[in-house]
Amino acid sequence: PAQANQLDDVMARGTLKVAVPQDFPPFGSVGPDMKPRGLDIDTAKLLADQLKVKLELTPVNSTNRVPYLTTGKVDLVISSLG
């Protein structure tokens, strides 16, 4: 299945590429230190830690999050669908 191949790709690359909104607090925003923060970012960090891979965050909005996923720019989208 495609999902198994994608996980294999993530593990081989050693990096999980995750799309997250950074304009929707408390789920995703940019803090005063200019670093992304929020529930979606924490979830992405936890997942990367559990997989023992590096995390690469890609900021997205409601318009481009699905195209980023379907075109392979990211491995995963963590975002509300509201």
PDB file of N, CA and C in Angstrom:
ATOM      1  N   PRO A   1       0.819  -1.202   0.000  1.00  0.00           N
ATOM      2  CA  PRO A   1       0.000   0.000   0.000  1.00  0.00           C
ATOM      3  C   PRO A   1       0.862   1.265   0.000  1.00  0.00           C
ATOM      4  N   ALA A   2       0.297   2.348  -0.501  1.00  0.00           N
ATOM      5  CA  ALA A   2       1.032   3.619  -0.597  1.00  0.00           C
ATOM      6  C   ALA A   2       1.483   4.114   0.770  1.00  0.00           C
ATOM      7  N   GLN A   3       0.651   3.936   1.796  1.00  0.00           N
ATOM      8  CA  GLN A   3       1.012   4.422   3.119  1.00  0.00           C
ATOM      9  C   GLN A   3       2.271   3.739   3.637  1.00  0.00           C
ATOM     10  N   ALA A   4       2.388   2.441   3.419  1.00  0.00           N
ATOM     11  CA  ALA A   4       3.573   1.710   3.872  1.00  0.00           C
ATOM     12  C   ALA A   4       4.810   2.220   3.152  1.00  0.00           C
ATOM     13  N   ASN A   5       4.708   2.482   1.869  1.00  0.00           N
ATOM     14  CA  ASN A   5       5.834   3.017   1.115  1.00  0.00           C
ATOM     15  C   ASN A   5       6.218   4.403   1.614  1.00  0.00           C
ATOM     16  N   GLN A   6       5.243   5.213   1.950  1.00  0.00           N
ATOM     17  CA  GLN A   6       5.531   6.561   2.435  1.00  0.00           C
ATOM     18  C   GLN A   6       6.261   6.504   3.771  1.00  0.00           C
ATOM     19  N   LEU A   7       5.833   5.635   4.666  1.00  0.00           N
ATOM     20  CA  LEU A   7       6.529   5.491   5.943  1.00  0.00           C
ATOM     21  C   LEU A   7       7.955   5.005   5.717  1.00  0.00           C
ATOM     22  N   ASP A   8       8.131   4.067   4.802  1.00  0.00           N
ATOM     23  CA  ASP A   8       9.484   3.607   4.463  1.00  0.00           C
ATOM     24  C   ASP A   8      10.331   4.765   3.953  1.00  0.00           C
ATOM     25  N   ASP A   9       9.743   5.627   3.130  1.00  0.00           N
ATOM     26  CA  ASP A   9      10.464   6.790   2.602  1.00  0.00           C
ATOM     27  C   ASP A   9      10.877   7.739   3.722  1.00  0.00           C
ATOM     28  N   VAL A  10       9.964   7.986   4.654  1.00  0.00           N
ATOM     29  CA  VAL A  10      10.262   8.865   5.793  1.00  0.00           C
ATOM     30  C   VAL A  10      11.418   8.289   6.605  1.00  0.00           C
ATOM     31  N   MET A  11      11.345   7.004   6.885  1.00  0.00           N
ATOM     32  CA  MET A  11      12.378   6.371   7.706  1.00  0.00           C
ATOM     33  C   MET A  11      13.725   6.372   6.984  1.00  0.00           C
ATOM     34  N   ALA A  12      13.727   6.108   5.692  1.00  0.00           N
ATOM     35  CA  ALA A  12      14.978   6.087   4.924  1.00  0.00           C
ATOM     36  C   ALA A  12      15.579   7.488   4.825  1.00  0.00           C
ATOM     37  N   ARG A  13      14.729   8.489   4.674  1.00  0.00           N
ATOM     38  CA  ARG A  13      15.178   9.875   4.562  1.00  0.00           C
ATOM     39  C   ARG A  13      15.614  10.420   5.920  1.00  0.00           C
ATOM     40  N   GLY A  14      14.997   9.894   6.985  1.00  0.00           N
ATOM     41  CA  GLY A  14      15.321  10.367   8.329  1.00  0.00           C
ATOM     42  C   GLY A  14      14.663  11.683   8.678  1.00  0.00           C
ATOM     43  N   THR A  15      13.689  12.086   7.873  1.00  0.00           N
ATOM     44  CA  THR A  15      12.992  13.358   8.094  1.00  0.00           C
ATOM     45  C   THR A  15      11.506  13.179   7.799  1.00  0.00           C
ATOM     46  N   LEU A  16      10.678  13.699   8.691  1.00  0.00           N
ATOM     47  CA  LEU A  16       9.235  13.728   8.492  1.00  0.00           C
ATOM     48  C   LEU A  16       8.855  15.147   8.094  1.00  0.00           C
ATOM     49  N   LYS A  17       8.286  15.300   6.907  1.00  0.00           N
ATOM     50  CA  LYS A  17       7.879  16.612   6.402  1.00  0.00           C
ATOM     51  C   LYS A  17       6.389  16.800   6.695  1.00  0.00           C
ATOM     52  N   VAL A  18       6.086  17.761   7.570  1.00  0.00           N
ATOM     53  CA  VAL A  18       4.717  17.963   8.025  1.00  0.00           C
ATOM     54  C   VAL A  18       4.246  19.376   7.688  1.00  0.00           C
ATOM     55  N   ALA A  19       3.084  19.456   7.068  1.00  0.00           N
ATOM     56  CA  ALA A  19       2.440  20.738   6.795  1.00  0.00           C
ATOM     57  C   ALA A  19       1.562  21.105   7.980  1.00  0.00           C
ATOM     58  N   VAL A  20       1.745  22.324   8.485  1.00  0.00           N
ATOM     59  CA  VAL A  20       0.949  22.811   9.614  1.00  0.00           C
ATOM     60  C   VAL A  20       0.561  24.267   9.375  1.00  0.00           C
ATOM     61  N   PRO A  21      -0.646  24.641   9.799  1.00  0.00           N
ATOM     62  CA  PRO A  21      -0.998  26.054   9.712  1.00  0.00           C
ATOM     63  C   PRO A  21      -0.240  26.819  10.791  1.00  0.00           C
ATOM     64  N   GLN A  22       0.134  28.039  10.496  1.00  0.00           N
ATOM     65  CA  GLN A  22       0.791  28.861  11.509  1.00  0.00           C
ATOM     66  C   GLN A  22       0.026  30.162  11.713  1.00  0.00           C
ATOM     67  N   ASP A  23      -1.254  30.126  11.336  1.00  0.00           N
ATOM     68  CA  ASP A  23      -2.093  31.317  11.464  1.00  0.00           C
ATOM     69  C   ASP A  23      -3.424  30.997  12.138  1.00  0.00           C
ATOM     70  N   PHE A  24      -3.432  29.944  12.964  1.00  0.00           N
ATOM     71  CA  PHE A  24      -4.682  29.494  13.575  1.00  0.00           C
ATOM     72  C   PHE A  24      -4.449  29.072  15.026  1.00  0.00           C
ATOM     73  N   PRO A  25      -4.159  30.053  15.920  1.00  0.00           N
ATOM     74  CA  PRO A  25      -3.943  29.707  17.320  1.00  0.00           C
ATOM     75  C   PRO A  25      -5.225  29.155  17.935  1.00  0.00           C
ATOM     76  N   PRO A  26      -5.158  28.267  18.869  1.00  0.00           N
ATOM     77  CA  PRO A  26      -3.984  27.729  19.552  1.00  0.00           C
ATOM     78  C   PRO A  26      -3.387  26.507  18.857  1.00  0.00           C
ATOM     79  N   PHE A  27      -3.874  26.191  17.679  1.00  0.00           N
ATOM     80  CA  PHE A  27      -3.402  24.993  16.984  1.00  0.00           C
ATOM     81  C   PHE A  27      -2.075  25.224  16.281  1.00  0.00           C
ATOM     82  N   GLY A  28      -1.909  26.367  15.683  1.00  0.00           N
ATOM     83  CA  GLY A  28      -0.654  26.694  15.022  1.00  0.00           C
ATOM     84  C   GLY A  28      -0.496  28.194  14.896  1.00  0.00           C
ATOM     85  N   SER A  29       0.623  28.694  15.385  1.00  0.00           N
ATOM     86  CA  SER A  29       0.913  30.122  15.278  1.00  0.00           C
ATOM     87  C   SER A  29       2.418  30.315  15.392  1.00  0.00           C
ATOM     88  N   VAL A  30       2.841  31.551  15.257  1.00  0.00           N
ATOM     89  CA  VAL A  30       4.252  31.881  15.416  1.00  0.00           C
ATOM     90  C   VAL A  30       4.383  32.662  16.716  1.00  0.00           C
ATOM     91  N   GLY A  31       5.274  32.191  17.589  1.00  0.00           N
ATOM     92  CA  GLY A  31       5.467  32.833  18.883  1.00  0.00           C
ATOM     93  C   GLY A  31       6.317  34.086  18.789  1.00  0.00           C
ATOM     94  N   PRO A  32       6.462  34.793  19.917  1.00  0.00           N
ATOM     95  CA  PRO A  32       7.284  35.998  19.948  1.00  0.00           C
ATOM     96  C   PRO A  32       8.743  35.733  19.570  1.00  0.00           C
ATOM     97  N   ASP A  33       9.173  34.490  19.732  1.00  0.00           N
ATOM     98  CA  ASP A  33      10.546  34.109  19.368  1.00  0.00           C
ATOM     99  C   ASP A  33      10.658  33.733  17.891  1.00  0.00           C
ATOM    100  N   MET A  34       9.548  33.928  17.150  1.00  0.00           N
ATOM    101  CA  MET A  34       9.469  33.635  15.711  1.00  0.00           C
ATOM    102  C   MET A  34       9.539  32.139  15.400  1.00  0.00           C
ATOM    103  N   LYS A  35       9.273  31.303  16.392  1.00  0.00           N
ATOM    104  CA  LYS A  35       9.237  29.855  16.188  1.00  0.00           C
ATOM    105  C   LYS A  35       7.782  29.401  16.176  1.00  0.00           C
ATOM    106  N   PRO A  36       7.473  28.384  15.351  1.00  0.00           N
ATOM    107  CA  PRO A  36       6.101  27.878  15.329  1.00  0.00           C
ATOM    108  C   PRO A  36       5.739  27.218  16.655  1.00  0.00           C
ATOM    109  N   ARG A  37       4.481  27.391  17.049  1.00  0.00           N
ATOM    110  CA  ARG A  37       4.012  26.770  18.286  1.00  0.00           C
ATOM    111  C   ARG A  37       2.523  26.482  18.174  1.00  0.00           C
ATOM    112  N   GLY A  38       2.059  25.599  19.054  1.00  0.00           N
ATOM    113  CA  GLY A  38       0.647  25.257  19.088  1.00  0.00           C
ATOM    114  C   GLY A  38       0.447  23.751  19.100  1.00  0.00           C
ATOM    115  N   LEU A  39      -0.802  23.341  19.243  1.00  0.00           N
ATOM    116  CA  LEU A  39      -1.138  21.923  19.344  1.00  0.00           C
ATOM    117  C   LEU A  39      -0.699  21.135  18.116  1.00  0.00           C
ATOM    118  N   ASP A  40      -0.940  21.663  16.921  1.00  0.00           N
ATOM    119  CA  ASP A  40      -0.546  20.942  15.704  1.00  0.00           C
ATOM    120  C   ASP A  40       0.969  20.764  15.635  1.00  0.00           C
ATOM    121  N   ILE A  41       1.715  21.780  16.042  1.00  0.00           N
ATOM    122  CA  ILE A  41       3.172  21.710  16.019  1.00  0.00           C
ATOM    123  C   ILE A  41       3.653  20.709  17.065  1.00  0.00           C
ATOM    124  N   ASP A  42       3.050  20.740  18.262  1.00  0.00           N
ATOM    125  CA  ASP A  42       3.414  19.778  19.310  1.00  0.00           C
ATOM    126  C   ASP A  42       3.138  18.345  18.861  1.00  0.00           C
ATOM    127  N   THR A  43       2.022  18.143  18.164  1.00  0.00           N
ATOM    128  CA  THR A  43       1.682  16.812  17.657  1.00  0.00           C
ATOM    129  C   THR A  43       2.710  16.343  16.632  1.00  0.00           C
ATOM    130  N   ALA A  44       3.122  17.233  15.749  1.00  0.00           N
ATOM    131  CA  ALA A  44       4.139  16.895  14.745  1.00  0.00           C
ATOM    132  C   ALA A  44       5.462  16.533  15.416  1.00  0.00           C
ATOM    133  N   LYS A  45       5.847  17.303  16.431  1.00  0.00           N
ATOM    134  CA  LYS A  45       7.094  17.022  17.158  1.00  0.00           C
ATOM    135  C   LYS A  45       7.028  15.664  17.845  1.00  0.00           C
ATOM    136  N   LEU A  46       5.898  15.370  18.473  1.00  0.00           N
ATOM    137  CA  LEU A  46       5.727  14.089  19.156  1.00  0.00           C
ATOM    138  C   LEU A  46       5.843  12.931  18.174  1.00  0.00           C
ATOM    139  N   LEU A  47       5.212  13.055  17.032  1.00  0.00           N
ATOM    140  CA  LEU A  47       5.261  12.000  16.021  1.00  0.00           C
ATOM    141  C   LEU A  47       6.688  11.784  15.521  1.00  0.00           C
ATOM    142  N   ALA A  48       7.393  12.864  15.215  1.00  0.00           N
ATOM    143  CA  ALA A  48       8.779  12.747  14.750  1.00  0.00           C
ATOM    144  C   ALA A  48       9.661  12.126  15.836  1.00  0.00           C
ATOM    145  N   ASP A  49       9.443  12.526  17.080  1.00  0.00           N
ATOM    146  CA  ASP A  49      10.214  11.947  18.186  1.00  0.00           C
ATOM    147  C   ASP A  49       9.962  10.448  18.298  1.00  0.00           C
ATOM    148  N   GLN A  50       8.705  10.042  18.182  1.00  0.00           N
ATOM    149  CA  GLN A  50       8.366   8.620  18.284  1.00  0.00           C
ATOM    150  C   GLN A  50       8.973   7.814  17.139  1.00  0.00           C
ATOM    151  N   LEU A  51       9.044   8.415  15.963  1.00  0.00           N
ATOM    152  CA  LEU A  51       9.642   7.743  14.803  1.00  0.00           C
ATOM    153  C   LEU A  51      11.167   7.843  14.804  1.00  0.00           C
ATOM    154  N   LYS A  52      11.693   8.703  15.702  1.00  0.00           N
ATOM    155  CA  LYS A  52      13.146   8.938  15.794  1.00  0.00           C
ATOM    156  C   LYS A  52      13.711   9.499  14.485  1.00  0.00           C
ATOM    157  N   VAL A  53      12.990  10.487  13.940  1.00  0.00           N
ATOM    158  CA  VAL A  53      13.423  11.179  12.723  1.00  0.00           C
ATOM    159  C   VAL A  53      13.391  12.684  12.981  1.00  0.00           C
ATOM    160  N   LYS A  54      14.046  13.429  12.118  1.00  0.00           N
ATOM    161  CA  LYS A  54      14.014  14.886  12.204  1.00  0.00           C
ATOM    162  C   LYS A  54      12.663  15.381  11.712  1.00  0.00           C
ATOM    163  N   LEU A  55      12.300  16.560  12.163  1.00  0.00           N
ATOM    164  CA  LEU A  55      11.029  17.163  11.767  1.00  0.00           C
ATOM    165  C   LEU A  55      11.285  18.374  10.883  1.00  0.00           C
ATOM    166  N   GLU A  56      10.583  18.410   9.759  1.00  0.00           N
ATOM    167  CA  GLU A  56      10.624  19.573   8.862  1.00  0.00           C
ATOM    168  C   GLU A  56       9.202  20.111   8.753  1.00  0.00           C
ATOM    169  N   LEU A  57       8.971  21.293   9.320  1.00  0.00           N
ATOM    170  CA  LEU A  57       7.646  21.908   9.281  1.00  0.00           C
ATOM    171  C   LEU A  57       7.513  22.800   8.051  1.00  0.00           C
ATOM    172  N   THR A  58       6.359  22.709   7.410  1.00  0.00           N
ATOM    173  CA  THR A  58       6.054  23.553   6.261  1.00  0.00           C
ATOM    174  C   THR A  58       4.776  24.320   6.566  1.00  0.00           C
ATOM    175  N   PRO A  59       4.836  25.653   6.614  1.00  0.00           N
ATOM    176  CA  PRO A  59       3.617  26.416   6.873  1.00  0.00           C
ATOM    177  C   PRO A  59       2.658  26.333   5.683  1.00  0.00           C
ATOM    178  N   VAL A  60       1.381  26.130   5.994  1.00  0.00           N
ATOM    179  CA  VAL A  60       0.351  26.037   4.954  1.00  0.00           C
ATOM    180  C   VAL A  60      -0.877  26.829   5.377  1.00  0.00           C
ATOM    181  N   ASN A  61      -1.798  26.978   4.436  1.00  0.00           N
ATOM    182  CA  ASN A  61      -3.099  27.575   4.734  1.00  0.00           C
ATOM    183  C   ASN A  61      -4.184  26.623   4.244  1.00  0.00           C
ATOM    184  N   SER A  62      -5.435  27.017   4.418  1.00  0.00           N
ATOM    185  CA  SER A  62      -6.528  26.108   4.062  1.00  0.00           C
ATOM    186  C   SER A  62      -6.583  25.813   2.567  1.00  0.00           C
ATOM    187  N   THR A  63      -6.035  26.675   1.741  1.00  0.00           N
ATOM    188  CA  THR A  63      -6.069  26.476   0.293  1.00  0.00           C
ATOM    189  C   THR A  63      -4.998  25.511  -0.201  1.00  0.00           C
ATOM    190  N   ASN A  64      -3.804  25.581   0.354  1.00  0.00           N
ATOM    191  CA  ASN A  64      -2.707  24.784  -0.209  1.00  0.00           C
ATOM    192  C   ASN A  64      -2.350  23.525   0.572  1.00  0.00           C
ATOM    193  N   ARG A  65      -2.989  23.262   1.706  1.00  0.00           N
ATOM    194  CA  ARG A  65      -2.570  22.110   2.516  1.00  0.00           C
ATOM    195  C   ARG A  65      -2.799  20.772   1.817  1.00  0.00           C
ATOM    196  N   VAL A  66      -3.933  20.587   1.168  1.00  0.00           N
ATOM    197  CA  VAL A  66      -4.189  19.311   0.484  1.00  0.00           C
ATOM    198  C   VAL A  66      -3.316  19.164  -0.765  1.00  0.00           C
ATOM    199  N   PRO A  67      -3.180  20.197  -1.611  1.00  0.00           N
ATOM    200  CA  PRO A  67      -2.264  20.066  -2.747  1.00  0.00           C
ATOM    201  C   PRO A  67      -0.821  19.756  -2.333  1.00  0.00           C
ATOM    202  N   TYR A  68      -0.350  20.325  -1.226  1.00  0.00           N
ATOM    203  CA  TYR A  68       1.001  20.004  -0.756  1.00  0.00           C
ATOM    204  C   TYR A  68       1.113  18.511  -0.448  1.00  0.00           C
ATOM    205  N   LEU A  69       0.059  17.949   0.114  1.00  0.00           N
ATOM    206  CA  LEU A  69       0.065  16.525   0.447  1.00  0.00           C
ATOM    207  C   LEU A  69      -0.024  15.667  -0.808  1.00  0.00           C
ATOM    208  N   THR A  70      -0.943  15.986  -1.696  1.00  0.00           N
ATOM    209  CA  THR A  70      -1.155  15.138  -2.872  1.00  0.00           C
ATOM    210  C   THR A  70      -0.014  15.211  -3.878  1.00  0.00           C
ATOM    211  N   THR A  71       0.759  16.292  -3.845  1.00  0.00           N
ATOM    212  CA  THR A  71       1.899  16.403  -4.760  1.00  0.00           C
ATOM    213  C   THR A  71       3.209  15.941  -4.129  1.00  0.00           C
ATOM    214  N   GLY A  72       3.154  15.493  -2.879  1.00  0.00           N
ATOM    215  CA  GLY A  72       4.352  14.953  -2.241  1.00  0.00           C
ATOM    216  C   GLY A  72       5.299  15.985  -1.660  1.00  0.00           C
ATOM    217  N   LYS A  73       4.874  17.243  -1.578  1.00  0.00           N
ATOM    218  CA  LYS A  73       5.735  18.258  -0.952  1.00  0.00           C
ATOM    219  C   LYS A  73       5.885  17.995   0.540  1.00  0.00           C
ATOM    220  N   VAL A  74       4.873  17.359   1.134  1.00  0.00           N
ATOM    221  CA  VAL A  74       4.910  16.978   2.549  1.00  0.00           C
ATOM    222  C   VAL A  74       4.433  15.535   2.677  1.00  0.00           C
ATOM    223  N   ASP A  75       4.788  14.923   3.796  1.00  0.00           N
ATOM    224  CA  ASP A  75       4.365  13.550   4.071  1.00  0.00           C
ATOM    225  C   ASP A  75       3.022  13.507   4.781  1.00  0.00           C
ATOM    226  N   LEU A  76       2.703  14.575   5.490  1.00  0.00           N
ATOM    227  CA  LEU A  76       1.561  14.572   6.391  1.00  0.00           C
ATOM    228  C   LEU A  76       1.068  15.996   6.584  1.00  0.00           C
ATOM    229  N   VAL A  77      -0.244  16.149   6.738  1.00  0.00           N
ATOM    230  CA  VAL A  77      -0.828  17.435   7.117  1.00  0.00           C
ATOM    231  C   VAL A  77      -1.448  17.255   8.494  1.00  0.00           C
ATOM    232  N   ILE A  78      -1.077  18.124   9.415  1.00  0.00           N
ATOM    233  CA  ILE A  78      -1.726  18.149  10.723  1.00  0.00           C
ATOM    234  C   ILE A  78      -2.424  19.494  10.812  1.00  0.00           C
ATOM    235  N   SER A  79      -3.761  19.466  10.713  1.00  0.00           N
ATOM    236  CA  SER A  79      -4.530  20.705  10.666  1.00  0.00           C
ATOM    237  C   SER A  79      -6.003  20.391  10.854  1.00  0.00           C
ATOM    238  N   SER A  80      -6.722  21.326  11.449  1.00  0.00           N
ATOM    239  CA  SER A  80      -8.171  21.159  11.504  1.00  0.00           C
ATOM    240  C   SER A  80      -8.714  21.340  10.089  1.00  0.00           C
ATOM    241  N   LEU A  81      -9.823  20.720   9.808  1.00  0.00           N
ATOM    242  CA  LEU A  81     -10.412  20.845   8.473  1.00  0.00           C
ATOM    243  C   LEU A  81     -11.536  21.870   8.458  1.00  0.00           C
ATOM    244  N   GLY A  82     -11.568  22.713   9.476  1.00  0.00           N
ATOM    245  CA  GLY A  82     -12.609  23.737   9.584  1.00  0.00           C
ATOM    246  C   GLY A  82     -12.376  24.892   8.658  1.00  0.00           C
TER     247      GLY A  82
END
